[in-house]
């Protein structure tokens, strides 16, 4: 495809975004490097509609790099509770420490420095640089991959090629609108099944549309290992005993009731992680004292600390 046509495609995407893009997403207002960073970390493993409330809550507590400077890890985990993939919260804590120590409290504006921060890969760095700093760096999240694959009719994901193609489409005259537009097209129009090509601004230029053969990049579904967990819920009125444990290999730095990993059990609920299917049972113990280290929390305090979703659901919704 000629470079002039690629430029034409990029311009069409920018113009479409101006008219039809999701301008009301909170991270697209009052754009700062910090806000882009937090939103991109949240969106790495989370649907947009789910991330909105968490982003807004996070910004109320920590609206900028200055306000998050003294934040404790528990505070960040507390704001992350229920969002899942908690390692991301740990990355934010570690990265903000480095930003204040090594970058004078300012988000770095060069690619290599951004990549040195925990939790920031090539696509997140590209998003920060292009959206917040107006630099023509490519993004290659799941939505952009879909659009690139369809435009060029690529049936197999080749990383180096896709990065190059993504970069070649950037509208350098309106980088912000282009990047938001290509992500919106991927999310709203370029669906795996029944793509809405009639609404897409680049349907005339899309090889897949011309061929009426709509590429769907294969995703490898991880095999989930079954893990059976018995949680011991110690309560005194509306106070609950929780502790932190690294023994599970997941939910590190989160508050959980004392737990045992068992071969099998009758379980009350199922909670899926990326590579594990957790079968969870709750054993309730009223007015008893556990023999492990931990802390007692009121229901109000539970809302401010990092707790895995199945635990918070049990204690706050059903407890």
Protein backbone atom coordinates (compact mmCIF):
# COMPACT_ATOMS: atom_id res chain seq x y z
CA UNK A 1 0.00 0.00 0.00
CA UNK A 2 1.37 3.40 -1.01
CA UNK A 3 2.36 5.82 1.75
CA UNK A 4 -0.03 8.45 0.33
CA UNK A 5 -2.95 6.02 0.76
CA UNK A 6 -1.85 5.23 4.32
CA UNK A 7 -1.81 8.96 5.07
CA UNK A 8 -5.27 9.24 3.53
CA UNK A 9 -6.54 6.43 5.77
CA UNK A 10 -5.06 8.08 8.86
CA UNK A 11 -6.72 11.38 7.98
CA UNK A 12 -10.09 9.69 7.48
CA UNK A 13 -9.82 8.07 10.91
CA UNK A 14 -9.02 11.43 12.55
CA UNK A 15 -11.97 13.12 10.86
CA UNK A 16 -14.29 10.28 11.86
CA UNK A 17 -13.20 10.58 15.49
CA UNK A 18 -13.99 14.29 15.53
CA UNK A 19 -17.57 13.51 14.49
CA UNK A 20 -18.30 10.13 16.05
CA UNK A 21 -15.65 9.32 18.67
CA UNK A 22 -16.23 8.59 22.34
CA UNK A 23 -15.34 12.08 23.54
CA UNK A 24 -17.06 11.59 26.90
CA UNK A 25 -14.63 8.97 28.20
CA UNK A 26 -13.15 10.59 31.32
CA UNK A 27 -9.50 10.04 30.38
CA UNK A 28 -10.06 11.93 27.13
CA UNK A 29 -10.89 15.08 29.06
CA UNK A 30 -8.26 17.21 30.78
CA UNK A 31 -5.57 15.09 29.13
CA UNK A 32 -2.30 14.84 31.07
CA UNK A 33 0.50 12.26 30.89
CA UNK A 34 -0.51 11.04 34.35
CA UNK A 35 -4.18 10.55 33.45
CA UNK A 36 -3.26 8.76 30.23
CA UNK A 37 -0.87 6.49 32.15
CA UNK A 38 -3.43 5.49 34.80
CA UNK A 39 -6.15 4.91 32.22
CA UNK A 40 -3.89 2.81 30.01
CA UNK A 41 -2.82 0.62 32.93
CA UNK A 42 -6.47 0.10 33.86
CA UNK A 43 -7.47 -0.69 30.28
CA UNK A 44 -4.74 -3.30 29.79
CA UNK A 45 -6.99 -6.09 31.07
CA UNK A 46 -10.34 -4.35 31.60
CA UNK A 47 -13.30 -3.35 29.45
CA UNK A 48 -13.87 0.39 28.99
CA UNK A 49 -17.26 0.45 30.73
CA UNK A 50 -15.83 -1.28 33.79
CA UNK A 51 -12.77 0.98 33.95
CA UNK A 52 -14.73 4.27 33.94
CA UNK A 53 -15.90 4.17 37.57
CA UNK A 54 -12.52 2.96 38.82
CA UNK A 55 -10.72 5.70 36.90
CA UNK A 56 -13.03 8.41 38.26
CA UNK A 57 -12.63 7.10 41.82
CA UNK A 58 -8.85 6.98 41.41
CA UNK A 59 -8.74 10.57 40.12
CA UNK A 60 -10.78 11.85 43.06
CA UNK A 61 -8.21 10.41 45.47
CA UNK A 62 -5.06 10.94 43.37
CA UNK A 63 -5.68 13.50 40.59
CA UNK A 64 -2.03 13.94 39.64
CA UNK A 65 1.54 12.82 40.25
CA UNK A 66 1.98 15.27 43.11
CA UNK A 67 -0.98 13.88 45.03
CA UNK A 68 0.04 10.24 44.56
CA UNK A 69 3.62 10.84 45.70
CA UNK A 70 3.02 9.87 49.33
CA UNK A 71 0.42 7.18 48.64
CA UNK A 72 0.86 3.89 50.44
CA UNK A 73 0.59 0.66 48.48
CA UNK A 74 -2.50 -0.34 50.46
CA UNK A 75 -4.27 2.85 49.36
CA UNK A 76 -3.69 2.05 45.69
CA UNK A 77 -4.80 -1.55 46.20
CA UNK A 78 -7.91 -0.26 47.95
CA UNK A 79 -8.88 1.79 44.90
CA UNK A 80 -8.18 -1.24 42.71
CA UNK A 81 -10.36 -3.64 44.71
CA UNK A 82 -12.66 -5.57 42.39
CA UNK A 83 -10.87 -4.54 39.19
CA UNK A 84 -8.69 -7.66 39.07
CA UNK A 85 -5.18 -8.24 37.74
CA UNK A 86 -3.84 -6.64 40.91
CA UNK A 87 -0.26 -6.68 39.76
CA UNK A 88 -1.18 -3.54 37.84
CA UNK A 89 -1.80 -1.70 41.11
CA UNK A 90 1.62 -2.79 42.32
CA UNK A 91 3.15 -1.49 39.08
CA UNK A 92 1.54 1.91 39.61
CA UNK A 93 2.95 2.10 43.14
CA UNK A 94 6.45 1.09 42.02
CA UNK A 95 6.39 3.36 38.97
CA UNK A 96 5.29 6.46 40.88
CA UNK A 97 8.15 5.88 43.33
CA UNK A 98 10.63 5.79 40.42
CA UNK A 99 9.06 8.82 38.73
CA UNK A 100 9.51 10.91 41.87
CA UNK A 101 12.98 9.55 42.61
CA UNK A 102 14.53 9.54 39.13
CA UNK A 103 12.41 11.90 37.02
CA UNK A 104 11.78 14.80 39.41
CA UNK A 105 8.11 13.95 39.76
CA UNK A 106 7.40 14.33 36.03
CA UNK A 107 6.22 11.64 33.64
CA UNK A 108 9.12 11.00 31.23
CA UNK A 109 8.50 11.95 27.62
CA UNK A 110 10.88 9.57 25.88
CA UNK A 111 10.26 5.97 24.87
CA UNK A 112 13.16 4.26 26.66
CA UNK A 113 12.50 6.02 29.97
CA UNK A 114 8.83 5.04 29.86
CA UNK A 115 9.74 1.43 29.11
CA UNK A 116 11.95 1.41 32.21
CA UNK A 117 8.88 1.94 34.42
CA UNK A 118 7.10 -1.13 35.84
CA UNK A 119 3.95 -2.09 33.96
CA UNK A 120 4.67 0.01 30.87
CA UNK A 121 5.24 -1.88 27.64
CA UNK A 122 5.60 -0.66 24.07
CA UNK A 123 1.90 -0.01 23.49
CA UNK A 124 1.34 1.81 26.78
CA UNK A 125 4.46 3.90 26.16
CA UNK A 126 3.17 4.67 22.67
CA UNK A 127 -0.19 5.74 24.07
CA UNK A 128 1.39 8.11 26.60
CA UNK A 129 3.76 9.64 24.06
CA UNK A 130 1.18 10.06 21.30
CA UNK A 131 -1.90 11.04 23.30
CA UNK A 132 -0.28 13.15 26.01
CA UNK A 133 2.87 14.43 24.28
CA UNK A 134 1.66 14.52 20.64
CA UNK A 135 4.53 12.36 19.41
CA UNK A 136 3.90 9.94 16.50
CA UNK A 137 4.45 6.66 18.33
CA UNK A 138 2.28 3.66 17.46
CA UNK A 139 -0.19 1.89 19.72
CA UNK A 140 -0.88 -1.81 19.29
CA UNK A 141 -3.59 -2.84 21.70
CA UNK A 142 -6.22 -5.46 20.83
CA UNK A 143 -8.46 -2.94 19.06
CA UNK A 144 -5.68 -1.50 16.92
CA UNK A 145 -4.51 -5.02 16.01
CA UNK A 146 -8.01 -5.79 14.71
CA UNK A 147 -8.11 -2.69 12.54
CA UNK A 148 -4.60 -3.20 11.16
CA UNK A 149 -5.31 -6.86 10.40
CA UNK A 150 -8.50 -5.94 8.53
CA UNK A 151 -7.07 -2.98 6.57
CA UNK A 152 -4.13 -5.00 5.27
CA UNK A 153 -5.91 -8.40 5.36
CA UNK A 154 -3.29 -9.99 7.58
CA UNK A 155 -4.40 -13.41 8.76
CA UNK A 156 -1.54 -13.95 11.18
CA UNK A 157 -0.11 -11.61 13.78
CA UNK A 158 3.54 -10.84 13.11
CA UNK A 159 4.68 -8.44 15.80
CA UNK A 160 7.36 -6.52 13.90
CA UNK A 161 5.16 -6.13 10.82
CA UNK A 162 2.12 -4.98 12.80
CA UNK A 163 4.14 -2.36 14.69
CA UNK A 164 5.41 -1.00 11.40
CA UNK A 165 1.94 -0.95 9.83
CA UNK A 166 0.42 0.70 12.90
CA UNK A 167 3.06 3.43 12.80
CA UNK A 168 2.59 3.98 9.05
CA UNK A 169 -1.09 4.89 9.47
CA UNK A 170 -0.63 7.63 12.09
CA UNK A 171 -2.08 10.98 11.05
CA UNK A 172 0.79 13.23 12.07
CA UNK A 173 -1.38 16.33 11.66
CA UNK A 174 -3.79 15.17 14.37
CA UNK A 175 -2.14 12.42 16.38
CA UNK A 176 -4.61 12.59 19.28
CA UNK A 177 -7.72 12.19 17.11
CA UNK A 178 -6.13 9.43 15.05
CA UNK A 179 -5.11 7.31 18.04
CA UNK A 180 -8.46 7.67 19.77
CA UNK A 181 -10.26 7.08 16.49
CA UNK A 182 -8.48 3.88 15.52
CA UNK A 183 -9.13 2.45 19.00
CA UNK A 184 -12.82 3.43 18.81
CA UNK A 185 -13.22 1.88 15.36
CA UNK A 186 -11.68 -1.34 16.67
CA UNK A 187 -13.94 -1.32 19.72
CA UNK A 188 -17.23 -0.26 18.12
CA UNK A 189 -17.23 -1.06 14.40
CA UNK A 190 -14.54 -3.60 13.51
CA UNK A 191 -16.16 -6.47 15.36
CA UNK A 192 -14.90 -10.08 15.07
CA UNK A 193 -18.33 -11.10 13.78
CA UNK A 194 -20.64 -8.85 11.76
CA UNK A 195 -18.33 -5.82 11.41
CA UNK A 196 -20.22 -2.60 10.73
CA UNK A 197 -18.32 -1.73 7.57
CA UNK A 198 -21.07 0.58 6.29
CA UNK A 199 -20.36 2.90 9.24
CA UNK A 200 -16.57 2.66 9.00
CA UNK A 201 -14.78 5.68 7.47
CA UNK A 202 -12.17 3.49 5.77
CA UNK A 203 -14.36 0.74 4.30
CA UNK A 204 -13.37 1.79 0.76
CA UNK A 205 -9.67 1.35 1.61
CA UNK A 206 -9.94 -1.86 3.64
CA UNK A 207 -8.68 -4.99 1.89
CA UNK A 208 -10.80 -7.28 4.06
CA UNK A 209 -13.94 -5.36 3.15
CA UNK A 210 -13.08 -5.43 -0.55
CA UNK A 211 -12.55 -9.19 -0.39
CA UNK A 212 -15.57 -9.69 1.89
CA UNK A 213 -13.26 -11.86 3.94
CA UNK A 214 -13.00 -10.53 7.47
CA UNK A 215 -9.81 -11.57 9.19
CA UNK A 216 -10.06 -12.63 12.83
CA UNK A 217 -6.71 -13.00 14.56
CA UNK A 218 -6.58 -16.17 16.60
CA UNK A 219 -6.35 -15.84 20.36
CA UNK A 220 -4.85 -18.57 22.46
CA UNK A 221 -7.17 -19.32 25.35
CA UNK A 222 -5.16 -20.13 28.47
CA UNK A 223 -5.84 -23.43 30.15
CA UNK A 224 -7.06 -22.75 33.65
CA UNK A 225 -5.87 -24.95 36.47
CA UNK A 226 -8.48 -25.77 39.11
CA UNK A 227 -7.55 -24.62 42.60
CA UNK A 228 -9.75 -25.41 45.60
CA UNK A 229 -9.63 -22.89 48.44
CA UNK A 230 -11.20 -22.99 51.89
CA UNK A 231 -11.40 -19.57 53.52
CA UNK A 232 -11.98 -19.31 57.25
CA UNK A 233 -14.13 -16.26 57.93
CA UNK A 234 -13.56 -15.05 61.48
CA UNK A 235 -16.08 -12.43 62.54
CA UNK A 236 -16.99 -10.41 65.61
CA UNK A 237 -20.24 -8.65 64.88
CA UNK A 238 -19.50 -6.69 61.70
CA UNK A 239 -15.74 -6.93 62.08
CA UNK A 240 -13.73 -9.41 60.03
CA UNK A 241 -10.24 -10.83 60.40
CA UNK A 242 -7.95 -10.62 57.36
CA UNK A 243 -4.27 -11.13 56.69
CA UNK A 244 -1.79 -10.92 53.84
CA UNK A 245 -0.19 -14.04 52.44
CA UNK A 246 2.16 -14.77 49.55
CA UNK A 247 1.65 -18.53 49.81
CA UNK A 248 -1.08 -18.77 47.16
CA UNK A 249 1.11 -17.45 44.36
CA UNK A 250 -1.53 -14.83 43.51
CA UNK A 251 -3.37 -12.02 45.33
CA UNK A 252 -0.04 -10.90 46.74
CA UNK A 253 -0.37 -7.83 48.99
CA UNK A 254 -4.15 -8.19 49.17
CA UNK A 255 -6.07 -8.74 52.39
CA UNK A 256 -7.77 -12.15 52.60
CA UNK A 257 -9.17 -14.40 55.36
CA UNK A 258 -6.96 -17.26 56.53
CA UNK A 259 -7.00 -19.82 53.73
CA UNK A 260 -6.13 -23.43 53.02
CA UNK A 261 -5.47 -24.96 49.62
CA UNK A 262 -7.19 -28.35 49.52
CA UNK A 263 -7.40 -31.16 46.98
CA UNK A 264 -11.16 -30.79 46.62
CA UNK A 265 -14.12 -29.33 48.47
CA UNK A 266 -17.77 -28.38 48.10
CA UNK A 267 -17.47 -24.80 46.96
CA UNK A 268 -19.71 -21.75 47.31
CA UNK A 269 -18.47 -19.75 44.34
CA UNK A 270 -16.13 -19.88 41.35
CA UNK A 271 -13.72 -17.09 40.43
CA UNK A 272 -11.61 -17.26 37.29
CA UNK A 273 -8.15 -15.76 37.00
CA UNK A 274 -6.18 -15.76 33.77
CA UNK A 275 -4.61 -19.18 34.40
CA UNK A 276 -6.59 -20.51 37.37
CA UNK A 277 -10.18 -21.40 38.13
CA UNK A 278 -10.70 -20.90 41.85
CA UNK A 279 -13.32 -23.04 43.57
CA UNK A 280 -13.96 -21.21 46.81
CA UNK A 281 -15.57 -22.41 50.04
CA UNK A 282 -16.23 -20.24 53.09
CA UNK A 283 -16.17 -21.64 56.62
CA UNK A 284 -17.62 -19.14 59.09
CA UNK A 285 -16.34 -18.75 62.66
CA UNK A 286 -18.18 -16.27 64.88
CA UNK A 287 -16.53 -14.77 67.96
CA UNK A 288 -13.45 -16.94 67.68
CA UNK A 289 -9.83 -15.82 67.65
CA UNK A 290 -7.63 -16.99 64.75
CA UNK A 291 -4.13 -18.24 65.51
CA UNK A 292 -2.42 -16.38 62.64
CA UNK A 293 -1.17 -12.83 62.29
CA UNK A 294 -3.53 -10.30 60.79
CA UNK A 295 -5.94 -7.46 61.55
CA UNK A 296 -9.60 -6.90 62.31
CA UNK A 297 -11.51 -4.60 59.96
CA UNK A 298 -14.93 -2.99 60.15
CA UNK A 299 -17.16 -3.02 57.07
CA UNK A 300 -16.30 0.62 56.41
CA UNK A 301 -12.59 -0.12 56.62
CA UNK A 302 -13.00 -3.02 54.19
CA UNK A 303 -14.04 -0.50 51.53
CA UNK A 304 -10.65 1.24 51.72
CA UNK A 305 -8.23 -1.70 51.45
CA UNK A 306 -7.26 -4.09 48.68
CA UNK A 307 -9.45 -7.20 48.74
CA UNK A 308 -10.03 -9.74 45.95
CA UNK A 309 -13.51 -9.52 44.43
CA UNK A 310 -14.88 -12.86 45.70
CA UNK A 311 -13.87 -11.89 49.23
CA UNK A 312 -15.32 -8.37 49.05
CA UNK A 313 -18.52 -9.77 47.53
CA UNK A 314 -18.86 -12.20 50.42
CA UNK A 315 -18.08 -9.71 53.18
CA UNK A 316 -19.69 -6.54 51.82
CA UNK A 317 -22.60 -7.87 49.77
CA UNK A 318 -23.49 -11.11 51.49
CA UNK A 319 -21.73 -10.94 54.83
